[in-house]
């Protein structure tokens, strides 16, 4: 075959790069808010339980809305769903930005937070932002499920691992490397600026997705009259397909357990970073770059590692390394050490994501992809709000029976940051 034809086959196409650009830009906004949300949460309350509760509310939609979201994804145009949900998230973020803007004078100085342990909870602001977090989570569930099922409509199956790998590298670069330092700069100027920036990124991403013209509609193996059945019947069909699959079923259950432990371990990470690691806003932002480095390396190396040692051993490598890293982080008092460990942990997590998401995209029938993917993520992500709630009780209980330091150390790792940062920092998929 001529070189020109080979080069043409290796290209991912204009549609993919529009999707890639939209993802990179929206994740830049997420990286900025990754700094803003947890610091806002810690300025509103110093209660470990309430910090964890905010994470419960933002992730609860994955438990209660994942399955209906799968049916919606299969019934309607996935591109339009993504555009609509990004627009809604942009509007919600504008609302949060406005709330923070009008309450900025009542919040403590960011530099005072590390020494404040008895700050009185601002209930009005906490309840308002918690409601926004829940609504944001509903939009995120539908958007993310549609986005994962959208990739096979943009690139050929043989390019899925490459496309997903490059996508996660872009996410890591903008979300964890560029975004957090930019967020610390913006929040240092004014506490509300990161939220307006995040909102703008959603609107730009929505416009880019809307401009994608060369999208193939998902083929339907059944007549439309048979496809449009009750939600319950369609959910059952997706559930039955996944449960009968000998590979995807245990993978979904394993990931659910991992995300439960990861959320349990990290539900108080912002307090751990402030009071145990003694990080200021800038150092917390630098700590976030560890995930970027690991994510970029993971996205670029995952397809090569998968080919070199095999998909199975690659996944076992991820499972074996994670618990060891978590224990060391929980016992550490140095954010430098946490940075190194986080980078390595993130690299292995991206390795898991590239392999498993590409596998699902390639083996699940297109007309079932939205529903089966939502059932998979119901098991995988539905445990997150449960883990966050258990973490809140655990931290509060240890704080009262032992001391506050071990209340923050005992369950803490870096896999899942707490509070409102959970709006923008998804766990393994």
Protein backbone atom coordinates (compact mmCIF):
# COMPACT_ATOMS: atom_id res chain seq x y z
CA UNK A 1 0.00 0.00 0.00
CA UNK A 2 1.37 3.47 -0.85
CA UNK A 3 2.62 5.62 1.98
CA UNK A 4 0.03 8.28 1.32
CA UNK A 5 -2.79 5.77 1.79
CA UNK A 6 -1.20 4.41 4.95
CA UNK A 7 -0.85 7.93 6.33
CA UNK A 8 -4.47 8.64 5.46
CA UNK A 9 -5.62 5.53 7.31
CA UNK A 10 -3.65 6.50 10.40
CA UNK A 11 -5.32 9.90 10.65
CA UNK A 12 -8.08 10.33 13.19
CA UNK A 13 -9.95 12.93 11.15
CA UNK A 14 -11.28 16.46 11.56
CA UNK A 15 -14.29 15.34 13.61
CA UNK A 16 -12.03 13.67 16.14
CA UNK A 17 -9.84 16.74 16.54
CA UNK A 18 -12.87 18.93 17.11
CA UNK A 19 -13.96 16.50 19.80
CA UNK A 20 -10.40 16.48 21.17
CA UNK A 21 -10.29 20.31 21.25
CA UNK A 22 -13.67 20.52 22.98
CA UNK A 23 -12.53 18.01 25.58
CA UNK A 24 -9.23 19.84 26.15
CA UNK A 25 -10.95 23.23 26.58
CA UNK A 26 -13.67 22.00 28.91
CA UNK A 27 -11.04 20.18 30.96
CA UNK A 28 -9.00 23.36 31.18
CA UNK A 29 -12.02 24.93 32.85
CA UNK A 30 -12.36 21.85 35.06
CA UNK A 31 -8.70 22.16 36.05
CA UNK A 32 -9.27 25.77 37.08
CA UNK A 33 -12.33 24.79 39.11
CA UNK A 34 -10.37 21.88 40.61
CA UNK A 35 -8.66 24.53 42.72
CA UNK A 36 -11.67 26.78 43.19
CA UNK A 37 -14.30 24.25 44.31
CA UNK A 38 -12.43 22.52 47.16
CA UNK A 39 -11.13 25.82 48.49
CA UNK A 40 -14.63 27.27 48.31
CA UNK A 41 -16.00 24.23 50.15
CA UNK A 42 -13.34 24.56 52.87
CA UNK A 43 -14.13 28.29 53.20
CA UNK A 44 -17.82 27.51 53.70
CA UNK A 45 -17.35 24.71 56.26
CA UNK A 46 -14.52 22.95 58.11
CA UNK A 47 -16.65 19.90 58.93
CA UNK A 48 -15.21 16.70 57.40
CA UNK A 49 -18.72 15.25 57.30
CA UNK A 50 -20.18 18.20 55.38
CA UNK A 51 -17.19 18.25 53.02
CA UNK A 52 -17.85 14.57 52.29
CA UNK A 53 -21.60 15.19 52.02
CA UNK A 54 -21.01 17.69 49.22
CA UNK A 55 -19.22 14.90 47.36
CA UNK A 56 -22.18 12.59 47.98
CA UNK A 57 -24.60 15.08 46.44
CA UNK A 58 -22.48 15.66 43.35
CA UNK A 59 -22.01 11.92 42.73
CA UNK A 60 -25.47 10.72 43.80
CA UNK A 61 -26.79 11.11 40.22
CA UNK A 62 -24.47 8.29 39.14
CA UNK A 63 -26.44 6.01 41.45
CA UNK A 64 -29.97 7.20 40.65
CA UNK A 65 -29.74 8.46 37.06
CA UNK A 66 -27.16 6.30 35.27
CA UNK A 67 -29.64 3.71 33.98
CA UNK A 68 -32.22 6.15 32.57
CA UNK A 69 -29.35 8.13 31.05
CA UNK A 70 -28.32 5.07 29.07
CA UNK A 71 -31.77 4.79 27.49
CA UNK A 72 -31.75 8.50 26.61
CA UNK A 73 -28.29 8.09 25.06
CA UNK A 74 -29.48 5.28 22.79
CA UNK A 75 -32.77 6.97 21.87
CA UNK A 76 -31.56 10.41 20.89
CA UNK A 77 -28.76 12.10 18.96
CA UNK A 78 -25.63 11.82 21.10
CA UNK A 79 -24.03 14.95 19.73
CA UNK A 80 -27.08 17.04 20.62
CA UNK A 81 -27.11 15.55 24.12
CA UNK A 82 -23.46 16.53 24.68
CA UNK A 83 -24.04 20.07 23.40
CA UNK A 84 -27.15 20.52 25.55
CA UNK A 85 -25.54 19.18 28.72
CA UNK A 86 -22.39 21.28 28.27
CA UNK A 87 -24.61 24.35 27.85
CA UNK A 88 -26.57 23.49 30.99
CA UNK A 89 -23.36 22.95 32.95
CA UNK A 90 -22.13 26.31 31.72
CA UNK A 91 -25.31 28.00 32.96
CA UNK A 92 -25.09 26.24 36.34
CA UNK A 93 -21.48 27.35 36.71
CA UNK A 94 -22.47 30.94 35.89
CA UNK A 95 -25.05 30.70 38.68
CA UNK A 96 -22.39 29.42 41.13
CA UNK A 97 -20.04 32.20 40.03
CA UNK A 98 -22.74 34.78 40.70
CA UNK A 99 -23.43 33.35 44.16
CA UNK A 100 -19.74 33.42 45.04
CA UNK A 101 -19.42 36.96 43.64
CA UNK A 102 -22.17 38.32 45.89
CA UNK A 103 -20.90 36.44 48.98
CA UNK A 104 -17.15 36.99 48.48
CA UNK A 105 -16.89 39.53 51.33
CA UNK A 106 -18.37 37.08 53.86
CA UNK A 107 -15.81 34.32 53.13
CA UNK A 108 -12.55 34.00 55.11
CA UNK A 109 -9.24 34.79 53.46
CA UNK A 110 -7.77 31.82 51.58
CA UNK A 111 -4.50 32.15 53.49
CA UNK A 112 -6.36 31.73 56.80
CA UNK A 113 -7.97 28.39 55.98
CA UNK A 114 -5.06 26.14 57.01
CA UNK A 115 -5.30 27.46 60.59
CA UNK A 116 -9.11 27.49 60.84
CA UNK A 117 -10.64 24.35 62.37
CA UNK A 118 -13.68 25.86 64.12
CA UNK A 119 -15.08 28.02 61.33
CA UNK A 120 -18.86 28.38 61.62
CA UNK A 121 -20.58 26.75 58.65
CA UNK A 122 -22.20 29.17 56.22
CA UNK A 123 -25.39 27.14 55.84
CA UNK A 124 -27.07 29.32 53.23
CA UNK A 125 -24.07 29.15 50.92
CA UNK A 126 -23.45 25.46 51.63
CA UNK A 127 -27.04 24.44 50.83
CA UNK A 128 -27.20 26.60 47.70
CA UNK A 129 -23.96 25.26 46.23
CA UNK A 130 -24.86 21.68 47.24
CA UNK A 131 -28.08 21.93 45.22
CA UNK A 132 -26.07 23.23 42.27
CA UNK A 133 -23.65 20.32 42.71
CA UNK A 134 -26.51 17.82 42.50
CA UNK A 135 -27.94 19.43 39.36
CA UNK A 136 -24.45 19.58 37.86
CA UNK A 137 -24.09 15.87 38.56
CA UNK A 138 -27.31 15.04 36.72
CA UNK A 139 -26.07 16.86 33.63
CA UNK A 140 -22.64 15.25 33.96
CA UNK A 141 -24.08 11.71 34.03
CA UNK A 142 -25.96 12.15 30.76
CA UNK A 143 -23.14 14.11 29.11
CA UNK A 144 -20.34 11.70 30.03
CA UNK A 145 -22.29 8.59 29.07
CA UNK A 146 -23.11 10.15 25.69
CA UNK A 147 -19.49 11.22 25.19
CA UNK A 148 -18.11 7.72 25.76
CA UNK A 149 -20.63 6.20 23.34
CA UNK A 150 -19.96 9.01 20.86
CA UNK A 151 -16.32 8.09 20.17
CA UNK A 152 -17.08 5.10 17.87
CA UNK A 153 -19.10 7.50 15.69
CA UNK A 154 -16.01 9.68 15.23
CA UNK A 155 -13.12 7.24 14.66
CA UNK A 156 -12.76 3.72 13.28
CA UNK A 157 -12.69 0.83 15.73
CA UNK A 158 -9.01 0.05 15.01
CA UNK A 159 -8.06 3.57 16.20
CA UNK A 160 -10.05 3.56 19.47
CA UNK A 161 -7.13 2.95 21.85
CA UNK A 162 -5.03 5.60 20.08
CA UNK A 163 -7.93 8.08 20.07
CA UNK A 164 -8.80 7.46 23.72
CA UNK A 165 -5.15 7.61 24.75
CA UNK A 166 -4.61 10.98 23.09
CA UNK A 167 -7.88 12.22 24.55
CA UNK A 168 -6.83 11.35 28.10
CA UNK A 169 -3.42 12.91 27.57
CA UNK A 170 -5.14 16.15 26.55
CA UNK A 171 -7.46 15.92 29.55
CA UNK A 172 -4.52 15.44 31.89
CA UNK A 173 -2.51 18.26 30.34
CA UNK A 174 -5.27 20.85 30.61
CA UNK A 175 -7.15 19.50 33.64
CA UNK A 176 -4.24 18.83 35.98
CA UNK A 177 -1.16 20.59 34.60
CA UNK A 178 -2.29 23.91 33.11
CA UNK A 179 -5.64 24.36 34.84
CA UNK A 180 -4.71 24.21 38.55
CA UNK A 181 -1.88 26.80 38.43
CA UNK A 182 -4.14 29.04 36.36
CA UNK A 183 -6.90 28.45 38.89
CA UNK A 184 -4.64 29.44 41.80
CA UNK A 185 -3.70 32.61 39.92
CA UNK A 186 -7.33 33.50 39.22
CA UNK A 187 -8.58 32.72 42.72
CA UNK A 188 -5.75 34.84 44.11
CA UNK A 189 -7.08 37.78 42.11
CA UNK A 190 -10.74 37.20 42.98
CA UNK A 191 -12.43 34.14 44.45
CA UNK A 192 -15.21 34.17 41.83
CA UNK A 193 -13.03 34.44 38.69
CA UNK A 194 -12.30 30.67 38.30
CA UNK A 195 -16.02 29.92 38.14
CA UNK A 196 -16.67 32.39 35.34
CA UNK A 197 -13.68 30.93 33.47
CA UNK A 198 -15.05 27.41 33.93
CA UNK A 199 -18.46 28.48 32.62
CA UNK A 200 -16.90 30.00 29.50
CA UNK A 201 -15.02 26.75 28.79
CA UNK A 202 -18.31 24.80 28.75
CA UNK A 203 -19.86 27.17 26.22
CA UNK A 204 -16.80 26.99 23.94
CA UNK A 205 -16.78 23.19 24.15
CA UNK A 206 -20.49 23.05 23.30
CA UNK A 207 -19.91 25.22 20.22
CA UNK A 208 -17.08 22.96 19.01
CA UNK A 209 -19.13 19.78 19.43
CA UNK A 210 -22.05 21.40 17.62
CA UNK A 211 -19.76 22.15 14.65
CA UNK A 212 -18.94 18.47 14.06
CA UNK A 213 -20.73 17.56 10.83
CA UNK A 214 -19.33 14.16 9.78
CA UNK A 215 -20.94 11.97 12.41
CA UNK A 216 -22.43 8.61 11.53
CA UNK A 217 -25.72 7.91 13.25
CA UNK A 218 -25.63 4.75 15.40
CA UNK A 219 -26.92 1.86 13.30
CA UNK A 220 -30.12 0.35 14.56
CA UNK A 221 -30.44 -3.40 14.30
CA UNK A 222 -34.15 -3.21 15.14
CA UNK A 223 -37.01 -1.20 13.69
CA UNK A 224 -37.66 2.12 15.41
CA UNK A 225 -41.08 0.92 16.50
CA UNK A 226 -39.47 -1.87 18.47
CA UNK A 227 -36.63 0.22 19.85
CA UNK A 228 -38.88 2.86 21.45
CA UNK A 229 -40.22 0.74 24.26
CA UNK A 230 -40.61 1.55 27.95
CA UNK A 231 -37.58 2.78 29.90
CA UNK A 232 -37.82 -0.28 32.12
CA UNK A 233 -37.70 -2.71 29.20
CA UNK A 234 -34.76 -0.95 27.59
CA UNK A 235 -32.82 -0.75 30.87
CA UNK A 236 -33.45 -4.47 31.41
CA UNK A 237 -32.08 -5.24 27.94
CA UNK A 238 -28.85 -3.33 28.66
CA UNK A 239 -28.53 -4.86 32.14
CA UNK A 240 -29.08 -8.39 30.83
CA UNK A 241 -26.45 -7.95 28.11
CA UNK A 242 -23.81 -6.78 30.58
CA UNK A 243 -24.65 -9.34 33.24
CA UNK A 244 -24.35 -12.17 30.73
CA UNK A 245 -20.91 -10.99 29.58
CA UNK A 246 -18.19 -12.97 31.36
CA UNK A 247 -15.58 -10.21 31.03
CA UNK A 248 -17.43 -6.91 31.46
CA UNK A 249 -19.52 -8.07 34.43
CA UNK A 250 -16.57 -8.74 36.80
CA UNK A 251 -14.74 -5.65 35.51
CA UNK A 252 -17.73 -3.45 36.42
CA UNK A 253 -17.97 -4.97 39.89
CA UNK A 254 -14.23 -4.66 40.51
CA UNK A 255 -14.23 -1.03 39.42
CA UNK A 256 -17.18 -0.31 41.69
CA UNK A 257 -15.24 -1.66 44.66
CA UNK A 258 -12.14 0.32 43.65
CA UNK A 259 -14.09 3.56 43.36
CA UNK A 260 -15.80 2.92 46.71
CA UNK A 261 -12.42 2.51 48.43
CA UNK A 262 -10.93 5.41 46.49
CA UNK A 263 -13.75 7.73 47.52
CA UNK A 264 -13.69 6.49 51.10
CA UNK A 265 -9.96 7.14 51.15
CA UNK A 266 -10.02 10.58 49.57
CA UNK A 267 -13.24 12.23 50.78
CA UNK A 268 -11.30 14.62 53.01
CA UNK A 269 -8.31 15.25 50.79
CA UNK A 270 -8.67 19.05 50.81
CA UNK A 271 -8.53 19.10 54.62
CA UNK A 272 -5.68 16.56 54.57
CA UNK A 273 -3.74 18.76 52.12
CA UNK A 274 -4.32 21.92 54.16
CA UNK A 275 -3.84 20.64 57.71
CA UNK A 276 -1.49 17.66 57.33
CA UNK A 277 0.53 18.51 54.22
CA UNK A 278 0.30 22.26 55.02
CA UNK A 279 -0.24 23.33 51.42
CA UNK A 280 -1.27 26.82 50.42
CA UNK A 281 -3.31 27.56 47.29
CA UNK A 282 -0.25 27.51 45.00
CA UNK A 283 1.21 24.33 46.51
CA UNK A 284 -2.18 22.63 46.24
CA UNK A 285 -2.21 23.60 42.58
CA UNK A 286 1.31 22.19 42.10
CA UNK A 287 0.19 19.00 43.84
CA UNK A 288 -2.53 18.76 41.20
CA UNK A 289 0.07 18.73 38.42
CA UNK A 290 1.14 15.26 39.53
CA UNK A 291 -2.05 13.88 38.08
CA UNK A 292 -1.31 15.75 34.87
CA UNK A 293 2.15 14.26 34.47
CA UNK A 294 0.90 10.78 35.24
CA UNK A 295 -2.13 11.25 33.01
CA UNK A 296 -0.12 12.48 30.04
CA UNK A 297 2.35 9.60 30.35
CA UNK A 298 -0.49 7.12 30.85
CA UNK A 299 -2.39 8.37 27.81
CA UNK A 300 0.66 8.20 25.58
CA UNK A 301 2.11 4.95 26.90
CA UNK A 302 -1.07 2.94 27.60
CA UNK A 303 -1.53 1.61 24.03
CA UNK A 304 2.16 0.63 23.90
CA UNK A 305 2.10 -1.01 27.35
CA UNK A 306 -1.09 -2.87 26.42
CA UNK A 307 0.53 -4.21 23.25
CA UNK A 308 3.81 -5.07 24.97
CA UNK A 309 2.63 -6.97 28.05
CA UNK A 310 -1.02 -7.60 27.15
CA UNK A 311 -4.28 -6.09 28.32
CA UNK A 312 -4.81 -8.55 31.18
CA UNK A 313 -1.40 -8.09 32.85
CA UNK A 314 -1.75 -4.32 32.41
CA UNK A 315 -5.00 -4.33 34.37
CA UNK A 316 -3.54 -6.56 37.09
CA UNK A 317 -0.61 -4.13 37.38
CA UNK A 318 -3.05 -1.31 38.07
CA UNK A 319 -4.93 -3.32 40.69
CA UNK A 320 -1.75 -4.36 42.50
CA UNK A 321 -0.06 -0.96 42.74
CA UNK A 322 -3.04 1.12 43.90
CA UNK A 323 -3.41 -0.10 47.54
CA UNK A 324 0.31 0.21 48.25
CA UNK A 325 0.38 3.82 47.06
CA UNK A 326 -2.70 4.73 49.11
CA UNK A 327 -1.19 3.45 52.37
CA UNK A 328 2.04 5.40 51.84
CA UNK A 329 0.12 8.60 51.03
CA UNK A 330 -2.05 8.24 54.13
CA UNK A 331 1.07 8.04 56.33
CA UNK A 332 2.95 10.86 54.60
CA UNK A 333 3.34 14.43 55.82
CA UNK A 334 5.18 15.72 52.74
CA UNK A 335 3.32 16.96 49.70
CA UNK A 336 6.46 16.27 47.64
CA UNK A 337 6.15 12.55 48.34
CA UNK A 338 2.41 12.66 47.67
CA UNK A 339 3.14 14.37 44.34
CA UNK A 340 5.43 11.55 43.14
CA UNK A 341 3.08 8.80 44.26
CA UNK A 342 0.06 10.52 42.72
CA UNK A 343 1.81 10.83 39.36
CA UNK A 344 2.54 7.11 39.26
CA UNK A 345 -0.93 6.14 40.49
CA UNK A 346 -2.57 8.31 37.86
CA UNK A 347 -0.47 6.78 35.10
CA UNK A 348 -1.70 3.30 36.02
CA UNK A 349 -5.29 4.55 36.34
CA UNK A 350 -5.20 5.97 32.81
CA UNK A 351 -3.79 2.65 31.62
CA UNK A 352 -6.92 1.00 33.06
CA UNK A 353 -9.18 3.58 31.42
CA UNK A 354 -7.69 3.35 27.94
CA UNK A 355 -7.91 -0.44 27.87
CA UNK A 356 -11.35 -0.89 29.43
CA UNK A 357 -13.17 2.00 27.72
CA UNK A 358 -11.78 1.05 24.30
CA UNK A 359 -12.83 -2.55 24.93
CA UNK A 360 -16.40 -1.52 25.76
CA UNK A 361 -16.61 0.75 22.73
CA UNK A 362 -15.47 -2.05 20.42
CA UNK A 363 -17.47 -5.06 21.68
CA UNK A 364 -20.83 -3.61 22.77
CA UNK A 365 -23.36 -3.44 19.90
CA UNK A 366 -23.96 0.15 18.81
CA UNK A 367 -27.71 0.11 19.46
CA UNK A 368 -27.00 -1.07 23.04
CA UNK A 369 -23.84 0.95 23.71
CA UNK A 370 -25.51 3.75 25.67
CA UNK A 371 -27.50 1.41 27.90
CA UNK A 372 -24.78 -1.17 28.54
CA UNK A 373 -22.25 1.59 29.19
CA UNK A 374 -24.65 3.21 31.67
CA UNK A 375 -25.19 -0.11 33.49
CA UNK A 376 -21.41 -0.59 33.64
CA UNK A 377 -20.98 2.90 35.08
CA UNK A 378 -23.89 2.35 37.47
CA UNK A 379 -21.84 -0.42 39.08
CA UNK A 380 -18.56 1.46 38.69
CA UNK A 381 -19.66 4.94 39.81
CA UNK A 382 -22.76 4.19 41.87
CA UNK A 383 -20.52 3.24 44.79
CA UNK A 384 -18.92 6.71 44.86
CA UNK A 385 -21.66 8.56 46.81
CA UNK A 386 -21.90 5.60 49.19
CA UNK A 387 -18.14 5.74 49.77
CA UNK A 388 -18.25 9.50 50.32
CA UNK A 389 -21.05 9.15 52.89
CA UNK A 390 -19.23 6.36 54.74
CA UNK A 391 -16.06 8.48 54.64
CA UNK A 392 -17.85 11.40 56.30
CA UNK A 393 -18.96 9.23 59.22
CA UNK A 394 -15.52 7.57 59.42
CA UNK A 395 -13.58 10.84 59.57
CA UNK A 396 -15.94 12.37 62.11
CA UNK A 397 -15.87 9.23 64.26
CA UNK A 398 -12.06 8.93 64.30
CA UNK A 399 -11.71 12.66 64.95
CA UNK A 400 -13.91 12.37 68.06
CA UNK A 401 -12.42 9.12 69.40
CA UNK A 402 -8.74 9.65 68.52
CA UNK A 403 -7.87 13.12 67.14
CA UNK A 404 -8.43 15.27 64.07
CA UNK A 405 -5.08 14.40 62.47
CA UNK A 406 -5.84 10.68 62.32
CA UNK A 407 -9.40 11.46 61.35
CA UNK A 408 -7.93 12.95 58.18
CA UNK A 409 -5.01 10.53 57.76
CA UNK A 410 -6.77 7.21 58.24
CA UNK A 411 -9.03 7.31 55.18
CA UNK A 412 -7.00 9.64 52.98
CA UNK A 413 -5.39 8.98 49.62
CA UNK A 414 -5.07 11.00 46.45
CA UNK A 415 -7.26 8.99 44.09
CA UNK A 416 -10.41 11.07 44.55
CA UNK A 417 -10.30 14.64 45.80
CA UNK A 418 -13.12 15.74 47.99
CA UNK A 419 -15.82 18.30 48.17
CA UNK A 420 -16.91 20.30 45.21
CA UNK A 421 -13.77 19.29 43.32
CA UNK A 422 -15.54 16.04 42.63
CA UNK A 423 -17.54 17.95 40.07
CA UNK A 424 -14.54 18.00 37.83
CA UNK A 425 -12.30 15.13 38.83
CA UNK A 426 -13.76 11.88 37.68
CA UNK A 427 -12.45 8.55 38.97
CA UNK A 428 -11.50 5.61 36.72
CA UNK A 429 -14.19 4.84 34.14
